[in-house]
Amino acid sequence: MTQVISSPAQTGTPIAAPVAPGKPRPKASLFSTIGQDAPAGLVVFLVALPLCLGISLASGAPLLAGVIAGIVGGLVVSLLSGSAVSVSGPAAGLTVVVLSAISSLGSWPAVLAATAVAGVIQMGLGLARAGIIALYFPAAVIRGMLAAIGIILILKQIPHFLGADTDYFEDMDFLQFNGQNTFSAIAAAARALSAGSVLVGVASLALLLLWNTAPIRRQSWSRLVPGALVAVVVAVGLNQLLKTIAPDWQVLPKHLVKLPVLSSLGQLAGEMILPDFSALRNPATYGVAFTIAIVASLETLLSVEAVDNLDPQKRHTPTNRELLAQGAGNLVSGLLGGLPLTAVIVRSSANVAAGAQSKISAFIHGLLLLTSLLFLGAVLNMIPLSALAAVLLLVGFKLTSPALYRKQWQLGREQFIPFIITIVAVLFTDLLKGVSIGLALGFFFILRDNAKAGSYLRRDEAADTAEGEDGRQLHLRLPEHVSFLNKASIVTTLEQLPANSRVILDGTRSDVIDHDVLEAIEAFRQAAPARGIELETRGIRQVALGTH
């Protein structure tokens, strides 16, 4: 039995309870968590449906294109991805790219050809191991991005909640396509609210809050029936009641889900628009494809890093495999007439919040999207958007909870300032611009303090010999100054450690160990017993890992 300790100079007390090595735990069956994944997949489906339709509308593409992309994200990408809880589908960050591409290439089928080529480029990036850049995103910036998305979700859903929305359902930009901004849209909605939508929204939100109370959560049946489903069913019933007893209060059709109504696979095939491969003779097609590939890859890497941060089990997504999966998804989506897709934070956050345990939940959400397209269009078109807005309001609050701000404040100025700046930048620009500003500030702090820092993990063979071990022991010594720039090499080294080995991770010679690196080491410490690795840390303080 090995005890994980810290240097007395740093804390003066032990940092963790003893960790026994033991044998690797057997892998769980693929469907062993179906009881949690099925309800989570249903919640993600309810959230994803209006998002897919809204992004289609904003992109200038056929409504069916967004649903096809969502289906491909669920049925194809989830199977190829190494992420347990991320969800893929059409993303708001690509709406401007697609809208511009339709104009520059002249037709939607030409954009589909570019999307297929973008998928091939992404697969090339995965094979070239470009996913390594995800390890260089500072934790403060990722958390700032998540908190900002939480705020944006709350602000953007208020007009839908009030029944006076003019913006599409997943717009994340401060400046909207209709000429308004986030705050002016809320003011306009407050002046033109719909009493029926407000009533349905309040009832849905009250039910969701009730479902999250301790007395309800203690009931075994509550884990099998998602609160979001209950809220949506009640919302539909309430609106039908208003239609009968108070027609002036009913939610108007323009504030309901608008899914294309199809009755068979043949009709679906007839509605699908296929790519125009003659566009490949146009050099501009490849420029559009490259733009889609780069933007989609960056959004994907940001999303999976953020979702890994939210995952209660702290599982690590293999980013190169993720790029391969997303590339395959975009290739298939383009060939079938769908929008470009990425790993998306809003749906993934809803998935984690709903208790998903494995990729089965994302697959189920894709299966439900396909089923709804074929058989449930008329029923789903009765769902008020204000009920779905209530679901997203709670998701947004969980992403930007007060506890997250307290935690970042306690970590010090170098963590808190990039965190807050990222929030403000994402809130008033868009996702990629805001994160870029946060990254620039984060790099400023790191480069200022760590200009002469070492950047790798060294194996100390002399120490191994002195320990008198039989070759099973590895003594790894951290350099004098460890910044998040060291994170990639440290994580890679730890992932490559042989199973059933004894490892001493020595930070006694390190003056500074960045918080990002400490989190990576702690995540490895928690996962090490599953590989039979016996880990001892020296001079390395433990950090708490948890969801927000």
Protein backbone atom coordinates (compact mmCIF):
# COMPACT_ATOMS: atom_id res chain seq x y z
CA MET A 1 0.00 0.00 0.00
CA THR A 2 1.35 3.38 -0.98
CA GLN A 3 0.51 6.63 0.68
CA VAL A 4 0.16 9.76 -1.44
CA ILE A 5 1.94 12.55 0.42
CA SER A 6 2.92 16.15 -0.03
CA SER A 7 5.97 18.09 0.88
CA PRO A 8 5.85 19.47 4.45
CA ALA A 9 7.15 22.70 3.03
CA GLN A 10 4.01 23.04 0.97
CA THR A 11 1.26 21.82 3.23
CA GLY A 12 2.71 20.14 6.27
CA THR A 13 0.02 17.45 6.21
CA PRO A 14 -0.86 14.42 4.11
CA ILE A 15 -2.97 15.31 1.09
CA ALA A 16 -4.86 12.11 0.46
CA ALA A 17 -5.91 8.88 1.95
CA PRO A 18 -3.88 5.78 1.04
CA VAL A 19 -4.45 4.53 -2.50
CA ALA A 20 -4.17 0.80 -3.05
CA PRO A 21 -2.91 -0.33 -6.45
CA GLY A 22 -4.79 -3.56 -7.03
CA LYS A 23 -5.71 -5.08 -10.36
CA PRO A 24 -7.32 -3.08 -13.19
CA ARG A 25 -11.09 -2.93 -12.79
CA PRO A 26 -13.00 -4.91 -15.42
CA LYS A 27 -14.68 -2.83 -18.10
CA ALA A 28 -18.38 -2.30 -17.68
CA SER A 29 -20.74 -3.79 -20.26
CA LEU A 30 -21.74 -1.44 -23.06
CA PHE A 31 -25.36 -1.40 -21.88
CA SER A 32 -24.73 -1.64 -18.14
CA THR A 33 -25.63 2.04 -17.68
CA ILE A 34 -28.66 2.05 -19.98
CA GLY A 35 -30.89 2.98 -17.03
CA GLN A 36 -29.10 6.35 -16.79
CA ASP A 37 -28.21 6.80 -20.46
CA ALA A 38 -31.70 6.31 -21.90
CA PRO A 39 -33.34 9.13 -19.86
CA ALA A 40 -30.33 11.37 -20.57
CA GLY A 41 -30.59 10.64 -24.31
CA LEU A 42 -34.27 11.60 -24.19
CA VAL A 43 -33.44 14.93 -22.51
CA VAL A 44 -30.73 15.69 -25.07
CA PHE A 45 -33.17 14.85 -27.87
CA LEU A 46 -35.73 17.33 -26.53
CA VAL A 47 -33.05 20.03 -26.32
CA ALA A 48 -31.41 19.15 -29.65
CA LEU A 49 -34.54 19.18 -31.80
CA PRO A 50 -35.24 22.95 -31.76
CA LEU A 51 -31.49 23.67 -31.82
CA CYS A 52 -31.05 21.70 -35.04
CA LEU A 53 -34.00 23.46 -36.63
CA GLY A 54 -32.91 26.91 -35.42
CA ILE A 55 -29.37 26.54 -36.77
CA SER A 56 -30.75 25.41 -40.15
CA LEU A 57 -32.89 28.53 -40.27
CA ALA A 58 -30.00 30.83 -39.31
CA SER A 59 -27.64 29.17 -41.82
CA GLY A 60 -29.98 29.67 -44.76
CA ALA A 61 -30.14 25.90 -45.26
CA PRO A 62 -33.22 23.63 -45.58
CA LEU A 63 -34.78 22.79 -42.19
CA LEU A 64 -34.09 19.12 -42.79
CA ALA A 65 -30.34 19.77 -43.02
CA GLY A 66 -29.98 20.53 -39.31
CA VAL A 67 -31.91 17.43 -38.26
CA ILE A 68 -29.81 15.24 -40.59
CA ALA A 69 -26.64 16.65 -39.01
CA GLY A 70 -28.06 15.91 -35.55
CA ILE A 71 -28.89 12.34 -36.56
CA VAL A 72 -25.39 11.80 -37.99
CA GLY A 73 -23.86 13.29 -34.84
CA GLY A 74 -25.84 10.84 -32.74
CA LEU A 75 -25.64 7.67 -34.83
CA VAL A 76 -22.20 8.01 -36.45
CA VAL A 77 -19.95 10.31 -34.44
CA SER A 78 -20.96 8.88 -31.04
CA LEU A 79 -19.86 5.40 -32.13
CA LEU A 80 -16.50 6.56 -33.50
CA SER A 81 -15.70 9.08 -30.76
CA GLY A 82 -13.72 8.23 -27.66
CA SER A 83 -15.74 10.67 -25.55
CA ALA A 84 -18.19 9.17 -23.08
CA VAL A 85 -20.60 12.10 -22.72
CA SER A 86 -20.07 14.66 -25.49
CA VAL A 87 -22.82 15.15 -28.08
CA SER A 88 -22.28 16.23 -31.69
CA GLY A 89 -24.54 18.11 -34.06
CA PRO A 90 -24.88 21.37 -36.00
CA ALA A 91 -23.23 24.27 -34.17
CA ALA A 92 -24.16 27.92 -33.89
CA GLY A 93 -20.52 28.88 -34.49
CA LEU A 94 -20.74 27.66 -38.09
CA THR A 95 -23.90 29.53 -39.10
CA VAL A 96 -22.04 32.56 -40.46
CA VAL A 97 -19.59 30.29 -42.30
CA VAL A 98 -22.40 28.32 -43.95
CA LEU A 99 -24.45 31.42 -44.77
CA SER A 100 -21.41 33.02 -46.42
CA ALA A 101 -20.55 29.78 -48.23
CA ILE A 102 -24.02 29.53 -49.81
CA SER A 103 -23.55 33.05 -51.14
CA SER A 104 -19.98 32.52 -52.41
CA LEU A 105 -20.51 29.06 -53.95
CA GLY A 106 -23.97 29.86 -55.30
CA SER A 107 -25.98 26.89 -54.04
CA TRP A 108 -26.65 24.66 -51.05
CA PRO A 109 -25.58 21.44 -52.91
CA ALA A 110 -22.18 23.06 -53.55
CA VAL A 111 -21.82 23.73 -49.80
CA LEU A 112 -22.65 20.06 -49.15
CA ALA A 113 -19.72 19.07 -51.38
CA ALA A 114 -17.47 21.45 -49.42
CA THR A 115 -18.74 19.94 -46.15
CA ALA A 116 -17.78 16.45 -47.33
CA VAL A 117 -14.29 17.69 -48.27
CA ALA A 118 -14.04 19.41 -44.86
CA GLY A 119 -14.68 16.02 -43.27
CA VAL A 120 -11.77 14.52 -45.19
CA ILE A 121 -9.53 17.42 -44.06
CA GLN A 122 -10.55 16.85 -40.43
CA MET A 123 -9.70 13.17 -40.68
CA GLY A 124 -6.31 14.22 -42.03
CA LEU A 125 -5.85 16.50 -39.01
CA GLY A 126 -6.68 13.57 -36.74
CA LEU A 127 -4.14 11.32 -38.47
CA ALA A 128 -1.58 14.14 -38.18
CA ARG A 129 -2.27 14.17 -34.41
CA ALA A 130 -3.34 17.81 -34.42
CA GLY A 131 -5.62 17.14 -31.46
CA ILE A 132 -2.66 17.66 -29.12
CA ILE A 133 -3.39 21.40 -29.10
CA ALA A 134 -6.41 20.75 -26.83
CA LEU A 135 -3.98 20.06 -23.97
CA TYR A 136 -2.74 23.65 -24.22
CA PHE A 137 -6.11 25.24 -23.38
CA PRO A 138 -5.76 26.67 -19.84
CA ALA A 139 -8.36 25.42 -17.35
CA ALA A 140 -9.26 29.02 -16.38
CA VAL A 141 -10.17 29.81 -20.01
CA ILE A 142 -12.20 26.61 -20.43
CA ARG A 143 -14.12 27.34 -17.23
CA GLY A 144 -14.63 30.93 -18.32
CA MET A 145 -16.02 29.68 -21.62
CA LEU A 146 -18.42 27.33 -19.81
CA ALA A 147 -19.56 30.07 -17.44
CA ALA A 148 -20.07 32.48 -20.35
CA ILE A 149 -22.12 29.91 -22.24
CA GLY A 150 -24.23 29.47 -19.12
CA ILE A 151 -24.90 33.22 -18.95
CA ILE A 152 -25.63 33.37 -22.68
CA LEU A 153 -28.03 30.44 -22.42
CA ILE A 154 -29.96 32.21 -19.68
CA LEU A 155 -30.05 35.54 -21.53
CA LYS A 156 -30.89 34.02 -24.92
CA GLN A 157 -33.69 31.82 -23.57
CA ILE A 158 -35.54 34.67 -21.85
CA PRO A 159 -37.23 35.85 -25.10
CA HIS A 160 -38.28 32.26 -25.92
CA PHE A 161 -39.51 31.88 -22.35
CA LEU A 162 -41.60 35.05 -22.75
CA GLY A 163 -43.00 33.99 -26.12
CA ALA A 164 -41.74 37.03 -28.01
CA ASP A 165 -38.66 35.55 -29.69
CA THR A 166 -37.41 36.68 -33.09
CA ASP A 167 -33.99 35.00 -32.90
CA TYR A 168 -33.22 31.37 -33.66
CA PHE A 169 -32.99 28.92 -30.78
CA GLU A 170 -29.21 28.44 -30.37
CA ASP A 171 -27.80 31.82 -31.36
CA MET A 172 -24.75 32.40 -29.14
CA ASP A 173 -23.55 35.70 -30.64
CA PHE A 174 -24.05 39.06 -28.95
CA LEU A 175 -24.99 40.76 -32.25
CA GLN A 176 -27.96 38.88 -33.72
CA PHE A 177 -28.73 38.35 -37.37
CA ASN A 178 -31.95 40.40 -37.02
CA GLY A 179 -30.06 43.56 -36.04
CA GLN A 180 -30.69 43.30 -32.30
CA ASN A 181 -28.24 42.30 -29.59
CA THR A 182 -28.69 40.01 -26.59
CA PHE A 183 -29.93 42.76 -24.27
CA SER A 184 -32.14 44.64 -26.74
CA ALA A 185 -33.83 41.34 -27.65
CA ILE A 186 -34.75 40.79 -23.98
CA ALA A 187 -36.13 44.33 -23.73
CA ALA A 188 -38.19 43.84 -26.90
CA ALA A 189 -39.52 40.51 -25.62
CA ALA A 190 -40.57 42.08 -22.31
CA ARG A 191 -42.64 44.63 -24.23
CA ALA A 192 -44.37 42.01 -26.40
CA LEU A 193 -44.61 38.93 -24.20
CA SER A 194 -47.21 36.23 -24.71
CA ALA A 195 -49.21 35.41 -21.58
CA GLY A 196 -49.67 31.78 -22.67
CA SER A 197 -45.96 31.23 -23.29
CA VAL A 198 -45.11 32.75 -19.91
CA LEU A 199 -47.66 30.54 -18.16
CA VAL A 200 -46.36 27.40 -19.90
CA GLY A 201 -42.74 28.42 -19.26
CA VAL A 202 -43.31 29.10 -15.56
CA ALA A 203 -45.16 25.81 -15.12
CA SER A 204 -42.35 23.93 -16.89
CA LEU A 205 -39.65 25.63 -14.82
CA ALA A 206 -41.53 24.94 -11.58
CA LEU A 207 -41.81 21.25 -12.48
CA LEU A 208 -38.11 21.04 -13.31
CA LEU A 209 -37.17 22.65 -10.00
CA LEU A 210 -39.54 20.32 -8.16
CA TRP A 211 -37.97 17.32 -9.93
CA ASN A 212 -34.55 18.38 -8.61
CA THR A 213 -35.65 18.56 -4.97
CA ALA A 214 -34.34 15.93 -2.55
CA PRO A 215 -37.71 14.20 -1.86
CA ILE A 216 -38.26 13.56 -5.58
CA ARG A 217 -34.64 12.61 -6.32
CA ARG A 218 -34.75 9.97 -3.57
CA GLN A 219 -37.50 8.12 -5.45
CA SER A 220 -36.15 5.38 -7.74
CA TRP A 221 -38.74 6.10 -10.43
CA SER A 222 -37.57 9.72 -10.76
CA ARG A 223 -34.28 8.52 -12.23
CA LEU A 224 -36.14 6.71 -15.00
CA VAL A 225 -38.46 9.59 -15.88
CA PRO A 226 -36.52 12.76 -16.78
CA GLY A 227 -37.90 15.99 -15.39
CA ALA A 228 -37.55 17.54 -18.86
CA LEU A 229 -39.95 14.96 -20.32
CA VAL A 230 -42.49 15.60 -17.57
CA ALA A 231 -42.20 19.36 -18.13
CA VAL A 232 -42.68 19.02 -21.89
CA VAL A 233 -45.69 16.69 -21.57
CA VAL A 234 -47.33 19.03 -19.06
CA ALA A 235 -46.54 22.02 -21.30
CA VAL A 236 -48.22 20.38 -24.30
CA GLY A 237 -51.26 19.43 -22.19
CA LEU A 238 -51.51 22.91 -20.69
CA ASN A 239 -51.35 24.56 -24.09
CA GLN A 240 -54.06 22.27 -25.43
CA LEU A 241 -56.19 23.17 -22.40
CA LEU A 242 -55.63 26.89 -23.07
CA LYS A 243 -56.64 26.30 -26.69
CA THR A 244 -60.00 25.04 -25.41
CA ILE A 245 -60.82 27.26 -22.45
CA ALA A 246 -58.86 30.45 -23.22
CA PRO A 247 -57.94 30.63 -26.94
CA ASP A 248 -56.42 34.11 -26.54
CA TRP A 249 -53.84 32.66 -24.17
CA GLN A 250 -52.71 29.68 -26.23
CA VAL A 251 -49.11 29.60 -27.45
CA LEU A 252 -49.04 30.74 -31.06
CA PRO A 253 -47.82 28.29 -33.76
CA LYS A 254 -44.72 30.41 -34.43
CA HIS A 255 -43.63 29.75 -30.84
CA LEU A 256 -43.93 25.97 -31.18
CA VAL A 257 -41.42 23.43 -32.51
CA LYS A 258 -41.49 23.34 -36.34
CA LEU A 259 -40.29 19.88 -37.40
CA PRO A 260 -40.87 18.86 -41.05
CA VAL A 261 -43.66 16.26 -41.07
CA LEU A 262 -42.69 13.10 -43.01
CA SER A 263 -44.46 9.76 -43.14
CA SER A 264 -41.94 7.30 -44.63
CA LEU A 265 -38.30 6.65 -45.51
CA GLY A 266 -39.24 7.18 -49.15
CA GLN A 267 -40.57 10.65 -48.43
CA LEU A 268 -37.47 11.41 -46.38
CA ALA A 269 -35.26 10.33 -49.28
CA GLY A 270 -37.27 12.53 -51.62
CA GLU A 271 -36.81 15.58 -49.37
CA MET A 272 -33.04 15.11 -49.02
CA ILE A 273 -30.78 17.33 -51.13
CA LEU A 274 -27.54 15.67 -52.26
CA PRO A 275 -24.17 17.35 -52.87
CA ASP A 276 -23.19 18.79 -56.23
CA PHE A 277 -19.75 17.30 -56.87
CA SER A 278 -19.25 19.45 -59.95
CA ALA A 279 -18.49 22.20 -57.42
CA LEU A 280 -15.17 20.44 -56.75
CA ARG A 281 -13.92 21.95 -60.00
CA ASN A 282 -14.30 25.38 -58.37
CA PRO A 283 -11.19 26.35 -56.31
CA ALA A 284 -13.42 28.38 -53.96
CA THR A 285 -14.99 25.12 -52.77
CA TYR A 286 -11.72 24.07 -51.18
CA GLY A 287 -11.36 27.42 -49.42
CA VAL A 288 -14.82 26.95 -47.88
CA ALA A 289 -13.98 23.35 -46.97
CA PHE A 290 -10.77 24.42 -45.23
CA THR A 291 -12.63 27.12 -43.28
CA ILE A 292 -15.33 24.67 -42.16
CA ALA A 293 -12.69 22.10 -41.16
CA ILE A 294 -10.64 24.54 -39.07
CA VAL A 295 -13.60 26.22 -37.32
CA ALA A 296 -15.32 22.87 -36.67
CA SER A 297 -12.09 21.34 -35.34
CA LEU A 298 -11.40 24.23 -32.97
CA GLU A 299 -14.98 24.20 -31.65
CA THR A 300 -14.77 20.43 -31.22
CA LEU A 301 -11.50 20.56 -29.28
CA LEU A 302 -12.82 23.34 -27.05
CA SER A 303 -16.03 21.41 -26.47
CA VAL A 304 -14.47 18.07 -25.56
CA GLU A 305 -11.99 19.76 -23.22
CA ALA A 306 -14.89 21.56 -21.54
CA VAL A 307 -17.04 18.42 -21.33
CA ASP A 308 -14.15 16.43 -19.84
CA ASN A 309 -14.05 19.18 -17.21
CA LEU A 310 -17.76 18.64 -16.49
CA ASP A 311 -17.63 14.82 -16.51
CA PRO A 312 -18.00 13.62 -12.88
CA GLN A 313 -15.71 10.66 -13.67
CA LYS A 314 -13.02 12.94 -15.17
CA ARG A 315 -12.51 10.74 -18.23
CA HIS A 316 -10.12 12.02 -20.88
CA THR A 317 -11.25 12.25 -24.51
CA PRO A 318 -8.58 11.18 -27.06
CA THR A 319 -8.56 14.33 -29.18
CA ASN A 320 -6.98 12.86 -32.31
CA ARG A 321 -9.64 10.16 -32.39
CA GLU A 322 -12.25 12.89 -31.86
CA LEU A 323 -11.04 14.75 -34.96
CA LEU A 324 -11.25 11.50 -36.95
CA ALA A 325 -14.80 10.92 -35.67
CA GLN A 326 -15.90 14.48 -36.43
CA GLY A 327 -14.33 14.26 -39.88
CA ALA A 328 -16.23 11.06 -40.61
CA GLY A 329 -19.39 12.74 -39.34
CA ASN A 330 -18.97 15.76 -41.61
CA LEU A 331 -18.23 13.51 -44.58
CA VAL A 332 -21.43 11.52 -43.99
CA SER A 333 -23.49 14.64 -43.17
CA GLY A 334 -22.34 16.36 -46.36
CA LEU A 335 -23.14 13.30 -48.47
CA LEU A 336 -26.65 13.02 -46.96
CA GLY A 337 -27.54 16.72 -47.21
CA GLY A 338 -26.80 17.78 -43.63
CA LEU A 339 -25.16 20.83 -42.09
CA PRO A 340 -21.53 20.74 -40.89
CA LEU A 341 -21.32 19.45 -37.33
CA THR A 342 -19.04 19.67 -34.31
CA ALA A 343 -19.00 18.50 -30.71
CA VAL A 344 -21.37 20.98 -29.07
CA ILE A 345 -21.27 22.27 -25.52
CA VAL A 346 -24.95 23.05 -24.89
CA ARG A 347 -26.19 19.54 -25.76
CA SER A 348 -23.19 17.93 -24.06
CA SER A 349 -23.81 19.96 -20.89
CA ALA A 350 -27.46 18.91 -20.91
CA ASN A 351 -26.28 15.31 -21.34
CA VAL A 352 -23.99 15.50 -18.30
CA ALA A 353 -26.63 17.31 -16.22
CA ALA A 354 -29.15 14.59 -17.09
CA GLY A 355 -26.84 11.92 -15.66
CA ALA A 356 -25.40 10.31 -18.81
CA GLN A 357 -22.74 7.68 -18.13
CA SER A 358 -21.65 6.58 -21.61
CA LYS A 359 -21.86 7.35 -25.32
CA ILE A 360 -25.07 5.31 -25.50
CA SER A 361 -27.00 8.44 -24.45
CA ALA A 362 -25.72 10.38 -27.49
CA PHE A 363 -26.59 7.43 -29.75
CA ILE A 364 -30.11 7.27 -28.29
CA HIS A 365 -30.58 11.00 -28.93
CA GLY A 366 -29.68 10.43 -32.61
CA LEU A 367 -32.04 7.47 -32.84
CA LEU A 368 -34.85 9.57 -31.36
CA LEU A 369 -34.17 12.37 -33.84
CA LEU A 370 -34.50 9.89 -36.72
CA THR A 371 -37.64 8.34 -35.24
CA SER A 372 -39.22 11.73 -34.63
CA LEU A 373 -38.51 12.79 -38.20
CA LEU A 374 -40.29 9.73 -39.56
CA PHE A 375 -43.16 9.20 -37.15
CA LEU A 376 -43.59 11.96 -34.56
CA GLY A 377 -43.48 15.24 -36.47
CA ALA A 378 -47.12 16.18 -35.85
CA VAL A 379 -46.86 15.41 -32.11
CA LEU A 380 -43.54 17.18 -31.55
CA ASN A 381 -44.81 20.28 -33.35
CA MET A 382 -47.16 20.76 -30.39
CA ILE A 383 -44.26 21.46 -27.98
CA PRO A 384 -44.03 25.13 -26.87
CA LEU A 385 -40.55 26.62 -27.16
CA SER A 386 -41.02 28.24 -23.76
CA ALA A 387 -41.01 24.76 -22.15
CA LEU A 388 -37.71 23.89 -23.84
CA ALA A 389 -36.36 27.31 -22.86
CA ALA A 390 -37.07 26.38 -19.22
CA VAL A 391 -34.89 23.26 -19.63
CA LEU A 392 -32.03 25.33 -21.04
CA LEU A 393 -32.38 27.96 -18.30
CA LEU A 394 -31.52 25.30 -15.72
CA VAL A 395 -28.64 23.97 -17.85
CA GLY A 396 -27.31 27.51 -18.10
CA PHE A 397 -27.49 28.07 -14.34
CA LYS A 398 -25.56 24.86 -13.66
CA LEU A 399 -22.81 26.02 -16.05
CA THR A 400 -22.42 29.40 -14.37
CA SER A 401 -23.17 28.58 -10.74
CA PRO A 402 -21.89 30.94 -8.00
CA ALA A 403 -19.68 28.13 -6.64
CA LEU A 404 -17.62 28.23 -9.82
CA TYR A 405 -16.82 31.93 -9.35
CA ARG A 406 -15.87 31.38 -5.70
CA LYS A 407 -13.55 28.54 -6.65
CA GLN A 408 -11.77 30.58 -9.33
CA TRP A 409 -11.39 33.53 -6.93
CA GLN A 410 -9.78 31.28 -4.35
CA LEU A 411 -7.25 30.02 -6.89
CA GLY A 412 -5.68 33.47 -7.18
CA ARG A 413 -5.25 36.30 -9.66
CA GLU A 414 -3.52 34.25 -12.39
CA GLN A 415 -6.57 31.95 -12.57
CA PHE A 416 -9.34 34.47 -11.88
CA ILE A 417 -8.42 37.23 -14.34
CA PRO A 418 -8.31 35.03 -17.48
CA PHE A 419 -11.51 33.37 -16.27
CA ILE A 420 -13.42 36.68 -15.98
CA ILE A 421 -11.96 38.18 -19.15
CA THR A 422 -12.97 35.07 -21.11
CA ILE A 423 -16.53 35.37 -19.78
CA VAL A 424 -16.82 39.02 -20.81
CA ALA A 425 -15.19 38.43 -24.20
CA VAL A 426 -17.42 35.45 -25.10
CA LEU A 427 -20.51 37.28 -23.86
CA PHE A 428 -19.93 40.35 -26.05
CA THR A 429 -18.45 38.69 -29.17
CA ASP A 430 -18.76 34.99 -29.98
CA LEU A 431 -17.30 31.70 -28.79
CA LEU A 432 -14.08 31.55 -30.82
CA LYS A 433 -13.23 35.26 -30.53
CA GLY A 434 -13.91 35.29 -26.80
CA VAL A 435 -11.82 32.18 -26.14
CA SER A 436 -9.01 33.63 -28.28
CA ILE A 437 -8.96 36.74 -26.08
CA GLY A 438 -8.90 34.58 -22.95
CA LEU A 439 -6.08 32.45 -24.37
CA ALA A 440 -4.05 35.54 -25.22
CA LEU A 441 -4.37 36.81 -21.65
CA GLY A 442 -3.58 33.39 -20.22
CA PHE A 443 -0.45 33.16 -22.36
CA PHE A 444 0.57 36.62 -21.17
CA PHE A 445 0.58 35.47 -17.53
CA ILE A 446 2.40 32.25 -18.38
CA LEU A 447 5.04 33.81 -20.60
CA ARG A 448 5.66 36.54 -18.07
CA ASP A 449 6.31 34.10 -15.24
CA ASN A 450 7.69 31.08 -17.05
CA ALA A 451 9.98 32.43 -19.76
CA LYS A 452 12.82 30.19 -18.61
CA ALA A 453 10.75 27.24 -17.42
CA GLY A 454 11.54 23.63 -18.20
CA SER A 455 9.00 21.91 -20.38
CA TYR A 456 9.34 18.19 -19.89
CA LEU A 457 9.20 15.34 -17.41
CA ARG A 458 12.51 13.54 -16.77
CA ARG A 459 13.04 9.94 -15.74
CA ASP A 460 15.59 9.88 -12.93
CA GLU A 461 17.46 6.59 -13.47
CA ALA A 462 19.91 7.28 -10.63
CA ALA A 463 17.03 7.61 -8.19
CA ASP A 464 15.53 4.39 -9.54
CA THR A 465 18.77 2.54 -8.81
CA ALA A 466 19.00 4.07 -5.35
CA GLU A 467 15.49 2.91 -4.55
CA GLY A 468 16.67 -0.68 -5.21
CA GLU A 469 13.60 -1.65 -7.21
CA ASP A 470 13.56 -4.47 -9.73
CA GLY A 471 12.68 -2.41 -12.82
CA ARG A 472 9.00 -2.17 -11.95
CA GLN A 473 9.51 1.26 -10.41
CA LEU A 474 9.67 4.50 -12.38
CA HIS A 475 10.95 7.65 -10.71
CA LEU A 476 9.75 10.70 -12.64
CA ARG A 477 10.99 14.11 -11.58
CA LEU A 478 9.23 17.35 -12.45
CA PRO A 479 11.34 20.31 -13.62
CA GLU A 480 11.98 23.37 -11.47
CA HIS A 481 9.16 25.48 -12.90
CA VAL A 482 6.04 23.68 -14.19
CA SER A 483 3.50 25.72 -16.18
CA PHE A 484 0.44 24.62 -18.15
CA LEU A 485 2.80 24.58 -21.15
CA ASN A 486 4.27 21.45 -19.56
CA LYS A 487 0.82 19.85 -19.35
CA ALA A 488 0.89 18.14 -22.75
CA SER A 489 4.20 16.36 -22.18
CA ILE A 490 3.27 15.39 -18.60
CA VAL A 491 -0.16 14.01 -19.58
CA THR A 492 1.37 12.13 -22.53
CA THR A 493 4.09 10.63 -20.30
CA LEU A 494 1.58 9.56 -17.65
CA GLU A 495 -0.75 7.99 -20.24
CA GLN A 496 2.17 5.95 -21.63
CA LEU A 497 3.23 4.51 -18.25
CA PRO A 498 3.15 0.70 -18.27
CA ALA A 499 0.34 -1.06 -16.44
CA ASN A 500 1.05 -2.69 -13.06
CA SER A 501 4.06 -0.47 -12.38
CA ARG A 502 5.07 1.52 -9.34
CA VAL A 503 5.53 5.22 -10.07
CA ILE A 504 7.07 7.96 -7.96
CA LEU A 505 6.10 11.39 -9.28
CA ASP A 506 8.60 13.73 -7.67
CA GLY A 507 7.96 17.45 -7.41
CA THR A 508 10.33 18.15 -4.52
CA ARG A 509 12.64 20.16 -6.78
CA SER A 510 9.82 22.19 -8.30
CA ASP A 511 9.40 25.75 -7.09
CA VAL A 512 6.05 26.24 -8.87
CA ILE A 513 3.55 23.71 -10.23
CA ASP A 514 0.72 25.26 -12.23
CA HIS A 515 -2.86 24.47 -11.17
CA ASP A 516 -3.68 22.95 -14.60
CA VAL A 517 -0.84 20.44 -14.18
CA LEU A 518 -1.96 19.64 -10.62
CA GLU A 519 -5.44 18.86 -11.92
CA ALA A 520 -4.01 16.59 -14.62
CA ILE A 521 -1.89 14.76 -12.03
CA GLU A 522 -4.87 14.39 -9.68
CA ALA A 523 -7.03 13.02 -12.51
CA PHE A 524 -4.28 10.49 -13.25
CA ARG A 525 -4.00 9.60 -9.55
CA GLN A 526 -7.71 8.77 -9.45
CA ALA A 527 -7.55 6.70 -12.65
CA ALA A 528 -4.25 4.90 -11.88
CA PRO A 529 -5.71 1.97 -9.84
CA ALA A 530 -7.79 0.92 -12.85
CA ARG A 531 -4.50 0.24 -14.69
CA GLY A 532 -2.88 -1.42 -11.71
CA ILE A 533 -0.48 1.50 -11.27
CA GLU A 534 0.74 2.26 -7.78
CA LEU A 535 1.37 6.02 -7.59
CA GLU A 536 3.29 7.98 -5.00
CA THR A 537 3.63 11.75 -5.28
CA ARG A 538 6.26 13.77 -3.50
CA GLY A 539 6.06 17.51 -3.05
CA ILE A 540 2.83 17.75 -5.05
CA ARG A 541 -0.29 19.08 -3.39
CA GLN A 542 -3.66 17.56 -4.16
CA VAL A 543 -6.41 19.60 -5.80
CA ALA A 544 -10.13 18.88 -5.61
CA LEU A 545 -11.76 17.69 -8.79
CA GLY A 546 -15.50 18.00 -9.24
CA THR A 547 -18.33 19.23 -11.43
CA HIS A 548 -19.56 22.80 -11.32
